[in-house]
Amino acid sequence: MTKKIVKVQYKQDIFGYSGREYTYYTDMPLKVGDIVLAPTKYGESRARVSAVNVRDAECASIPHLMRTIPAQELICEEETKEQIDLLAALETAGGDAELLF
């Protein structure tokens, strides 16, 4: 089975999922908006899928740097704006947002 290539954006403190896109391999059937745990050099980090079916040519110069998002259960599918706003407010206030899910 050929691995798929996706792009993700990491969760920022109060800005939701934004900033630079990072490219990963995956065997999972992901869609834009899915929330996953993506491996980083600091451990796993919450990320939202921002692009799927990325062509090999787009990352031809970096395959040796790319990591794989392992098969896992999705954290959730397409967080709504209300959920993102609630999580941001709770995290800013010092609450434990993980208790909500």
N, C-alpha and C. Protein backbone atom coordinates (compact mmCIF):
# COMPACT_ATOMS: atom_id res chain seq x y z
N MET A 1 0.84 -1.19 0.00
CA MET A 1 0.00 0.00 0.00
C MET A 1 0.88 1.25 0.00
N THR A 2 0.61 2.15 -0.90
CA THR A 2 1.38 3.38 -1.00
C THR A 2 0.93 4.37 0.06
N LYS A 3 1.89 4.99 0.70
CA LYS A 3 1.54 5.98 1.72
C LYS A 3 1.03 7.24 1.05
N LYS A 4 0.05 7.85 1.70
CA LYS A 4 -0.49 9.12 1.23
C LYS A 4 0.35 10.25 1.83
N ILE A 5 0.29 11.40 1.21
CA ILE A 5 0.99 12.57 1.73
C ILE A 5 -0.05 13.62 2.07
N VAL A 6 0.06 14.17 3.29
CA VAL A 6 -0.85 15.21 3.75
C VAL A 6 -0.04 16.37 4.32
N LYS A 7 -0.70 17.51 4.45
CA LYS A 7 -0.11 18.66 5.12
C LYS A 7 -0.95 18.98 6.34
N VAL A 8 -0.26 19.42 7.40
CA VAL A 8 -0.96 19.78 8.63
C VAL A 8 -0.48 21.14 9.12
N GLN A 9 -1.32 21.75 9.96
CA GLN A 9 -0.93 22.96 10.68
C GLN A 9 -1.09 22.65 12.16
N TYR A 10 -0.14 23.11 12.95
CA TYR A 10 -0.16 22.84 14.38
C TYR A 10 -1.06 23.82 15.11
N LYS A 11 -1.54 23.37 16.27
CA LYS A 11 -2.38 24.20 17.11
C LYS A 11 -1.52 25.27 17.77
N GLN A 12 -1.90 26.51 17.56
CA GLN A 12 -1.24 27.64 18.20
C GLN A 12 -2.05 28.01 19.43
N ASP A 13 -1.48 28.75 20.35
CA ASP A 13 -2.17 29.06 21.61
C ASP A 13 -3.56 29.65 21.39
N ILE A 14 -3.64 30.88 21.00
CA ILE A 14 -4.95 31.52 20.88
C ILE A 14 -5.39 31.71 19.43
N PHE A 15 -4.57 31.30 18.50
CA PHE A 15 -4.88 31.53 17.10
C PHE A 15 -5.45 30.30 16.40
N GLY A 16 -5.77 29.27 17.15
CA GLY A 16 -6.28 28.05 16.53
C GLY A 16 -5.18 27.36 15.74
N TYR A 17 -5.54 26.78 14.65
CA TYR A 17 -4.58 26.09 13.79
C TYR A 17 -4.17 27.06 12.69
N SER A 18 -2.91 27.44 12.71
CA SER A 18 -2.47 28.44 11.75
C SER A 18 -0.97 28.31 11.52
N GLY A 19 -0.46 29.17 10.68
CA GLY A 19 0.97 29.18 10.42
C GLY A 19 1.38 28.23 9.32
N ARG A 20 2.63 27.92 9.33
CA ARG A 20 3.25 27.09 8.30
C ARG A 20 2.62 25.70 8.23
N GLU A 21 2.58 25.15 7.02
CA GLU A 21 2.11 23.78 6.83
C GLU A 21 3.31 22.83 6.86
N TYR A 22 3.12 21.67 7.46
CA TYR A 22 4.15 20.64 7.53
C TYR A 22 3.64 19.41 6.80
N THR A 23 4.54 18.73 6.11
CA THR A 23 4.17 17.61 5.26
C THR A 23 4.51 16.28 5.93
N TYR A 24 3.56 15.34 5.88
CA TYR A 24 3.72 14.03 6.50
C TYR A 24 3.22 12.93 5.58
N TYR A 25 3.76 11.73 5.79
CA TYR A 25 3.18 10.53 5.20
C TYR A 25 2.11 10.02 6.15
N THR A 26 1.14 9.28 5.62
CA THR A 26 0.16 8.60 6.46
C THR A 26 -0.48 7.45 5.70
N ASP A 27 -0.93 6.45 6.44
CA ASP A 27 -1.72 5.35 5.87
C ASP A 27 -3.19 5.55 6.17
N MET A 28 -3.49 6.55 6.97
CA MET A 28 -4.87 6.78 7.39
C MET A 28 -5.68 7.49 6.30
N PRO A 29 -6.97 7.20 6.22
CA PRO A 29 -7.83 7.92 5.27
C PRO A 29 -8.27 9.25 5.88
N LEU A 30 -7.44 10.27 5.73
CA LEU A 30 -7.72 11.57 6.35
C LEU A 30 -8.42 12.50 5.37
N LYS A 31 -9.08 13.51 5.94
CA LYS A 31 -9.67 14.56 5.11
C LYS A 31 -9.32 15.91 5.73
N VAL A 32 -9.42 16.96 4.95
CA VAL A 32 -9.11 18.30 5.44
C VAL A 32 -10.00 18.60 6.63
N GLY A 33 -9.38 19.10 7.70
CA GLY A 33 -10.10 19.45 8.92
C GLY A 33 -9.98 18.41 10.01
N ASP A 34 -9.55 17.18 9.69
CA ASP A 34 -9.37 16.17 10.72
C ASP A 34 -8.27 16.59 11.69
N ILE A 35 -8.45 16.26 12.95
CA ILE A 35 -7.48 16.58 13.99
C ILE A 35 -6.73 15.30 14.36
N VAL A 36 -5.40 15.35 14.30
CA VAL A 36 -4.56 14.19 14.58
C VAL A 36 -3.43 14.56 15.53
N LEU A 37 -2.74 13.55 16.02
CA LEU A 37 -1.50 13.77 16.76
C LEU A 37 -0.36 13.50 15.79
N ALA A 38 0.40 14.53 15.48
CA ALA A 38 1.50 14.40 14.53
C ALA A 38 2.83 14.36 15.28
N PRO A 39 3.74 13.48 14.87
CA PRO A 39 5.04 13.40 15.54
C PRO A 39 5.91 14.60 15.20
N THR A 40 6.59 15.13 16.21
CA THR A 40 7.54 16.23 16.02
C THR A 40 8.82 15.85 16.76
N LYS A 41 9.83 16.67 16.65
CA LYS A 41 11.07 16.36 17.37
C LYS A 41 10.89 16.53 18.88
N TYR A 42 9.79 17.14 19.30
CA TYR A 42 9.52 17.33 20.73
C TYR A 42 8.47 16.36 21.26
N GLY A 43 8.03 15.42 20.44
CA GLY A 43 6.96 14.51 20.83
C GLY A 43 5.75 14.74 19.94
N GLU A 44 4.61 14.21 20.33
CA GLU A 44 3.41 14.38 19.52
C GLU A 44 2.79 15.75 19.77
N SER A 45 2.19 16.30 18.72
CA SER A 45 1.53 17.59 18.83
C SER A 45 0.20 17.55 18.08
N ARG A 46 -0.77 18.21 18.63
CA ARG A 46 -2.09 18.28 18.01
C ARG A 46 -2.01 19.11 16.73
N ALA A 47 -2.57 18.56 15.64
CA ALA A 47 -2.49 19.25 14.34
C ALA A 47 -3.77 19.01 13.55
N ARG A 48 -4.09 19.97 12.69
CA ARG A 48 -5.26 19.84 11.81
C ARG A 48 -4.79 19.63 10.39
N VAL A 49 -5.39 18.65 9.72
CA VAL A 49 -5.04 18.36 8.32
C VAL A 49 -5.50 19.53 7.47
N SER A 50 -4.56 20.11 6.71
CA SER A 50 -4.88 21.28 5.88
C SER A 50 -4.89 20.94 4.39
N ALA A 51 -4.31 19.81 4.00
CA ALA A 51 -4.32 19.38 2.59
C ALA A 51 -4.14 17.87 2.54
N VAL A 52 -4.83 17.24 1.60
CA VAL A 52 -4.70 15.80 1.39
C VAL A 52 -4.33 15.56 -0.07
N ASN A 53 -3.92 14.34 -0.36
CA ASN A 53 -3.53 13.97 -1.73
C ASN A 53 -2.45 14.90 -2.30
N VAL A 54 -1.49 15.22 -1.46
CA VAL A 54 -0.37 16.07 -1.88
C VAL A 54 0.49 15.25 -2.84
N ARG A 55 0.91 15.87 -3.92
CA ARG A 55 1.71 15.17 -4.92
C ARG A 55 3.14 14.98 -4.45
N ASP A 56 3.74 13.88 -4.87
CA ASP A 56 5.14 13.60 -4.54
C ASP A 56 6.07 14.73 -4.97
N ALA A 57 5.76 15.34 -6.10
CA ALA A 57 6.62 16.39 -6.64
C ALA A 57 6.73 17.59 -5.70
N GLU A 58 5.69 17.83 -4.90
CA GLU A 58 5.71 18.96 -3.98
C GLU A 58 6.72 18.79 -2.85
N CYS A 59 7.08 17.55 -2.56
CA CYS A 59 8.02 17.31 -1.46
C CYS A 59 9.21 16.46 -1.91
N ALA A 60 9.53 16.54 -3.18
CA ALA A 60 10.61 15.72 -3.74
C ALA A 60 11.96 15.99 -3.09
N SER A 61 12.17 17.21 -2.60
CA SER A 61 13.47 17.54 -2.02
C SER A 61 13.58 17.22 -0.53
N ILE A 62 12.47 16.79 0.09
CA ILE A 62 12.51 16.57 1.55
C ILE A 62 12.04 15.20 2.02
N PRO A 63 11.97 14.17 1.19
CA PRO A 63 11.43 12.90 1.70
C PRO A 63 12.22 12.33 2.86
N HIS A 64 13.50 12.61 2.93
CA HIS A 64 14.33 12.11 4.03
C HIS A 64 14.01 12.80 5.36
N LEU A 65 13.31 13.95 5.31
CA LEU A 65 12.95 14.68 6.52
C LEU A 65 11.52 14.38 6.98
N MET A 66 10.73 13.80 6.10
CA MET A 66 9.32 13.59 6.41
C MET A 66 9.11 12.45 7.39
N ARG A 67 8.17 12.66 8.30
CA ARG A 67 7.77 11.64 9.27
C ARG A 67 6.42 11.08 8.87
N THR A 68 5.99 10.05 9.58
CA THR A 68 4.72 9.41 9.29
C THR A 68 3.76 9.62 10.46
N ILE A 69 2.54 10.05 10.14
CA ILE A 69 1.49 10.09 11.16
C ILE A 69 1.01 8.66 11.29
N PRO A 70 1.25 8.04 12.45
CA PRO A 70 0.89 6.63 12.60
C PRO A 70 -0.62 6.41 12.64
N ALA A 71 -1.03 5.20 12.31
CA ALA A 71 -2.45 4.85 12.41
C ALA A 71 -2.90 5.09 13.84
N GLN A 72 -4.01 5.76 13.98
CA GLN A 72 -4.53 6.13 15.30
C GLN A 72 -6.00 6.47 15.14
N GLU A 73 -6.66 6.60 16.25
CA GLU A 73 -8.01 7.12 16.19
C GLU A 73 -7.89 8.63 16.07
N LEU A 74 -8.75 9.23 15.26
CA LEU A 74 -8.73 10.68 15.13
C LEU A 74 -9.09 11.30 16.47
N ILE A 75 -8.47 12.42 16.78
CA ILE A 75 -8.86 13.14 17.99
C ILE A 75 -10.30 13.61 17.79
N CYS A 76 -10.58 14.18 16.67
CA CYS A 76 -11.94 14.53 16.29
C CYS A 76 -11.92 14.92 14.81
N GLU A 77 -13.08 14.94 14.23
CA GLU A 77 -13.19 15.35 12.84
C GLU A 77 -13.68 16.78 12.78
N GLU A 78 -12.94 17.61 12.12
CA GLU A 78 -13.33 18.99 11.84
C GLU A 78 -13.90 19.71 13.05
N GLU A 79 -13.03 20.18 13.90
CA GLU A 79 -13.49 20.96 15.04
C GLU A 79 -14.27 22.17 14.53
N THR A 80 -15.36 22.44 15.19
CA THR A 80 -16.16 23.60 14.81
C THR A 80 -15.53 24.87 15.37
N LYS A 81 -15.89 26.01 14.81
CA LYS A 81 -15.36 27.27 15.29
C LYS A 81 -15.70 27.46 16.77
N GLU A 82 -16.89 27.02 17.17
CA GLU A 82 -17.29 27.15 18.58
C GLU A 82 -16.37 26.32 19.48
N GLN A 83 -16.02 25.11 19.05
CA GLN A 83 -15.12 24.27 19.84
C GLN A 83 -13.74 24.91 19.93
N ILE A 84 -13.25 25.44 18.82
CA ILE A 84 -11.93 26.07 18.80
C ILE A 84 -11.92 27.29 19.72
N ASP A 85 -12.98 28.12 19.66
CA ASP A 85 -13.06 29.30 20.53
C ASP A 85 -13.13 28.89 22.00
N LEU A 86 -13.89 27.85 22.30
CA LEU A 86 -14.01 27.37 23.67
C LEU A 86 -12.67 26.84 24.18
N LEU A 87 -11.99 26.05 23.35
CA LEU A 87 -10.68 25.52 23.75
C LEU A 87 -9.69 26.64 24.00
N ALA A 88 -9.67 27.64 23.11
CA ALA A 88 -8.74 28.76 23.25
C ALA A 88 -9.02 29.52 24.54
N ALA A 89 -10.29 29.78 24.83
CA ALA A 89 -10.65 30.52 26.05
C ALA A 89 -10.27 29.72 27.29
N LEU A 90 -10.54 28.43 27.27
CA LEU A 90 -10.24 27.58 28.42
C LEU A 90 -8.73 27.48 28.66
N GLU A 91 -7.97 27.29 27.59
CA GLU A 91 -6.52 27.17 27.73
C GLU A 91 -5.92 28.49 28.19
N THR A 92 -6.45 29.62 27.70
CA THR A 92 -5.96 30.93 28.12
C THR A 92 -6.22 31.14 29.61
N ALA A 93 -7.36 30.63 30.09
CA ALA A 93 -7.72 30.77 31.50
C ALA A 93 -7.01 29.76 32.39
N GLY A 94 -6.25 28.84 31.78
CA GLY A 94 -5.50 27.87 32.56
C GLY A 94 -6.25 26.60 32.86
N GLY A 95 -7.38 26.38 32.19
CA GLY A 95 -8.17 25.16 32.42
C GLY A 95 -7.61 23.99 31.64
N ASP A 96 -8.16 22.83 31.91
CA ASP A 96 -7.71 21.61 31.24
C ASP A 96 -8.66 21.29 30.09
N ALA A 97 -8.32 21.71 28.90
CA ALA A 97 -9.17 21.55 27.73
C ALA A 97 -9.37 20.07 27.37
N GLU A 98 -8.44 19.20 27.72
CA GLU A 98 -8.57 17.80 27.38
C GLU A 98 -9.75 17.13 28.09
N LEU A 99 -10.20 17.69 29.19
CA LEU A 99 -11.33 17.13 29.90
C LEU A 99 -12.63 17.29 29.12
N LEU A 100 -12.65 18.19 28.16
CA LEU A 100 -13.86 18.42 27.37
C LEU A 100 -14.12 17.31 26.37
N PHE A 101 -13.09 16.57 25.98
CA PHE A 101 -13.25 15.58 24.90
C PHE A 101 -13.09 14.20 25.42
